[in-house]
Amino acid sequence: MALNIKSAETERLARDVAALTGDTITEAVRKGLLLLQEEARSAREAEIERKMQAIRDIQERVRKKLGGQKLVITKDDFDALWDE
């Protein structure tokens, strides 16, 4: 499958990296994309963890405000929220 790069700067970068590493242009692009993919995946996982921690913090604050009370929510309660 062909990849058509229409950016002179991108092509120059790919050729430069290939020359510096001794890789083919294809291999240089593949390795660069793998690095970017891992970076993006790690950033996404970190963001998910940050949001999960924020939820846990909110849950803990609510738990403290309830003073040990158990909050029992049933399916009917949820259905009522959605008018079902």
C-alpha atoms as a PDB file:
ATOM      1  CA  MET A   1       0.000   0.000   0.000  1.00  0.00           C
ATOM      2  CA  ALA A   2       1.436   3.368  -0.996  1.00  0.00           C
ATOM      3  CA  LEU A   3       1.629   6.481   1.114  1.00  0.00           C
ATOM      4  CA  ASN A   4       1.796   9.708  -0.838  1.00  0.00           C
ATOM      5  CA  ILE A   5       3.518  12.450   1.153  1.00  0.00           C
ATOM      6  CA  LYS A   6       2.645  15.837  -0.289  1.00  0.00           C
ATOM      7  CA  SER A   7       4.679  17.919   2.118  1.00  0.00           C
ATOM      8  CA  ALA A   8       8.227  18.775   1.085  1.00  0.00           C
ATOM      9  CA  GLU A   9       9.184  19.366   4.729  1.00  0.00           C
ATOM     10  CA  THR A  10       7.802  15.981   5.811  1.00  0.00           C
ATOM     11  CA  GLU A  11       9.631  14.218   2.995  1.00  0.00           C
ATOM     12  CA  ARG A  12      12.849  16.045   3.908  1.00  0.00           C
ATOM     13  CA  LEU A  13      12.454  15.018   7.563  1.00  0.00           C
ATOM     14  CA  ALA A  14      11.831  11.387   6.601  1.00  0.00           C
ATOM     15  CA  ARG A  15      14.891  11.325   4.357  1.00  0.00           C
ATOM     16  CA  ASP A  16      17.016  13.044   7.016  1.00  0.00           C
ATOM     17  CA  VAL A  17      15.975  10.578   9.734  1.00  0.00           C
ATOM     18  CA  ALA A  18      16.557   7.649   7.379  1.00  0.00           C
ATOM     19  CA  ALA A  19      20.048   8.930   6.571  1.00  0.00           C
ATOM     20  CA  LEU A  20      20.876   9.500  10.243  1.00  0.00           C
ATOM     21  CA  THR A  21      19.659   6.059  11.348  1.00  0.00           C
ATOM     22  CA  GLY A  22      20.670   4.041   8.298  1.00  0.00           C
ATOM     23  CA  ASP A  23      17.073   2.910   7.903  1.00  0.00           C
ATOM     24  CA  THR A  24      15.016   3.021   4.752  1.00  0.00           C
ATOM     25  CA  ILE A  25      12.604   5.930   4.478  1.00  0.00           C
ATOM     26  CA  THR A  26       9.739   3.492   5.039  1.00  0.00           C
ATOM     27  CA  GLU A  27      11.363   2.118   8.199  1.00  0.00           C
ATOM     28  CA  ALA A  28      12.139   5.617   9.486  1.00  0.00           C
ATOM     29  CA  VAL A  29       8.502   6.635   9.003  1.00  0.00           C
ATOM     30  CA  ARG A  30       7.273   3.382  10.597  1.00  0.00           C
ATOM     31  CA  LYS A  31       9.487   3.845  13.659  1.00  0.00           C
ATOM     32  CA  GLY A  32       8.444   7.483  13.987  1.00  0.00           C
ATOM     33  CA  LEU A  33       4.779   6.539  13.822  1.00  0.00           C
ATOM     34  CA  LEU A  34       5.288   3.793  16.407  1.00  0.00           C
ATOM     35  CA  LEU A  35       6.884   6.307  18.781  1.00  0.00           C
ATOM     36  CA  LEU A  36       4.067   8.791  18.238  1.00  0.00           C
ATOM     37  CA  GLN A  37       1.460   6.052  18.679  1.00  0.00           C
ATOM     38  CA  GLU A  38       2.972   5.007  22.018  1.00  0.00           C
ATOM     39  CA  GLU A  39       3.183   8.625  23.176  1.00  0.00           C
ATOM     40  CA  ALA A  40      -0.454   9.245  22.239  1.00  0.00           C
ATOM     41  CA  ARG A  41      -1.565   6.013  23.906  1.00  0.00           C
ATOM     42  CA  SER A  42       0.316   6.881  27.105  1.00  0.00           C
ATOM     43  CA  ALA A  43      -1.148  10.397  27.142  1.00  0.00           C
ATOM     44  CA  ARG A  44      -4.638   8.985  26.680  1.00  0.00           C
ATOM     45  CA  GLU A  45      -4.165   6.468  29.490  1.00  0.00           C
ATOM     46  CA  ALA A  46      -2.827   9.213  31.780  1.00  0.00           C
ATOM     47  CA  GLU A  47      -5.862  11.393  31.021  1.00  0.00           C
ATOM     48  CA  ILE A  48      -8.232   8.510  31.754  1.00  0.00           C
ATOM     49  CA  GLU A  49      -6.445   7.854  35.057  1.00  0.00           C
ATOM     50  CA  ARG A  50      -6.624  11.566  35.935  1.00  0.00           C
ATOM     51  CA  LYS A  51     -10.378  11.569  35.320  1.00  0.00           C
ATOM     52  CA  MET A  52     -10.863   8.340  37.268  1.00  0.00           C
ATOM     53  CA  GLN A  53      -8.967   9.831  40.215  1.00  0.00           C
ATOM     54  CA  ALA A  54     -11.162  12.944  40.065  1.00  0.00           C
ATOM     55  CA  ILE A  55     -14.237  10.691  40.222  1.00  0.00           C
ATOM     56  CA  ARG A  56     -12.787   8.788  43.192  1.00  0.00           C
ATOM     57  CA  ASP A  57     -12.090  12.105  44.946  1.00  0.00           C
ATOM     58  CA  ILE A  58     -15.681  13.243  44.383  1.00  0.00           C
ATOM     59  CA  GLN A  59     -16.988   9.905  45.627  1.00  0.00           C
ATOM     60  CA  GLU A  60     -14.912  10.236  48.784  1.00  0.00           C
ATOM     61  CA  ARG A  61     -16.185  13.774  49.449  1.00  0.00           C
ATOM     62  CA  VAL A  62     -19.787  12.618  48.985  1.00  0.00           C
ATOM     63  CA  ARG A  63     -19.163   9.614  51.246  1.00  0.00           C
ATOM     64  CA  LYS A  64     -17.858  11.944  53.987  1.00  0.00           C
ATOM     65  CA  LYS A  65     -20.844  14.280  53.611  1.00  0.00           C
ATOM     66  CA  LEU A  66     -23.235  11.364  53.979  1.00  0.00           C
ATOM     67  CA  GLY A  67     -21.626  10.630  57.326  1.00  0.00           C
ATOM     68  CA  GLY A  68     -21.592   6.893  56.911  1.00  0.00           C
ATOM     69  CA  GLN A  69     -25.142   6.661  55.562  1.00  0.00           C
ATOM     70  CA  LYS A  70     -25.629   4.062  52.888  1.00  0.00           C
ATOM     71  CA  LEU A  71     -27.121   5.481  49.734  1.00  0.00           C
ATOM     72  CA  VAL A  72     -29.348   2.865  48.143  1.00  0.00           C
ATOM     73  CA  ILE A  73     -30.266   3.578  44.543  1.00  0.00           C
ATOM     74  CA  THR A  74     -32.468   1.135  42.711  1.00  0.00           C
ATOM     75  CA  LYS A  75     -33.132   0.480  39.049  1.00  0.00           C
ATOM     76  CA  ASP A  76     -36.460   2.273  39.488  1.00  0.00           C
ATOM     77  CA  ASP A  77     -34.574   5.362  40.681  1.00  0.00           C
ATOM     78  CA  PHE A  78     -32.454   5.358  37.538  1.00  0.00           C
ATOM     79  CA  ASP A  79     -35.465   4.678  35.333  1.00  0.00           C
ATOM     80  CA  ALA A  80     -37.211   7.677  36.894  1.00  0.00           C
ATOM     81  CA  LEU A  81     -34.279   9.862  35.870  1.00  0.00           C
ATOM     82  CA  TRP A  82     -34.846   8.858  32.261  1.00  0.00           C
ATOM     83  CA  ASP A  83     -38.660   8.796  32.410  1.00  0.00           C
ATOM     84  CA  GLU A  84     -38.790   5.071  31.708  1.00  0.00           C
END
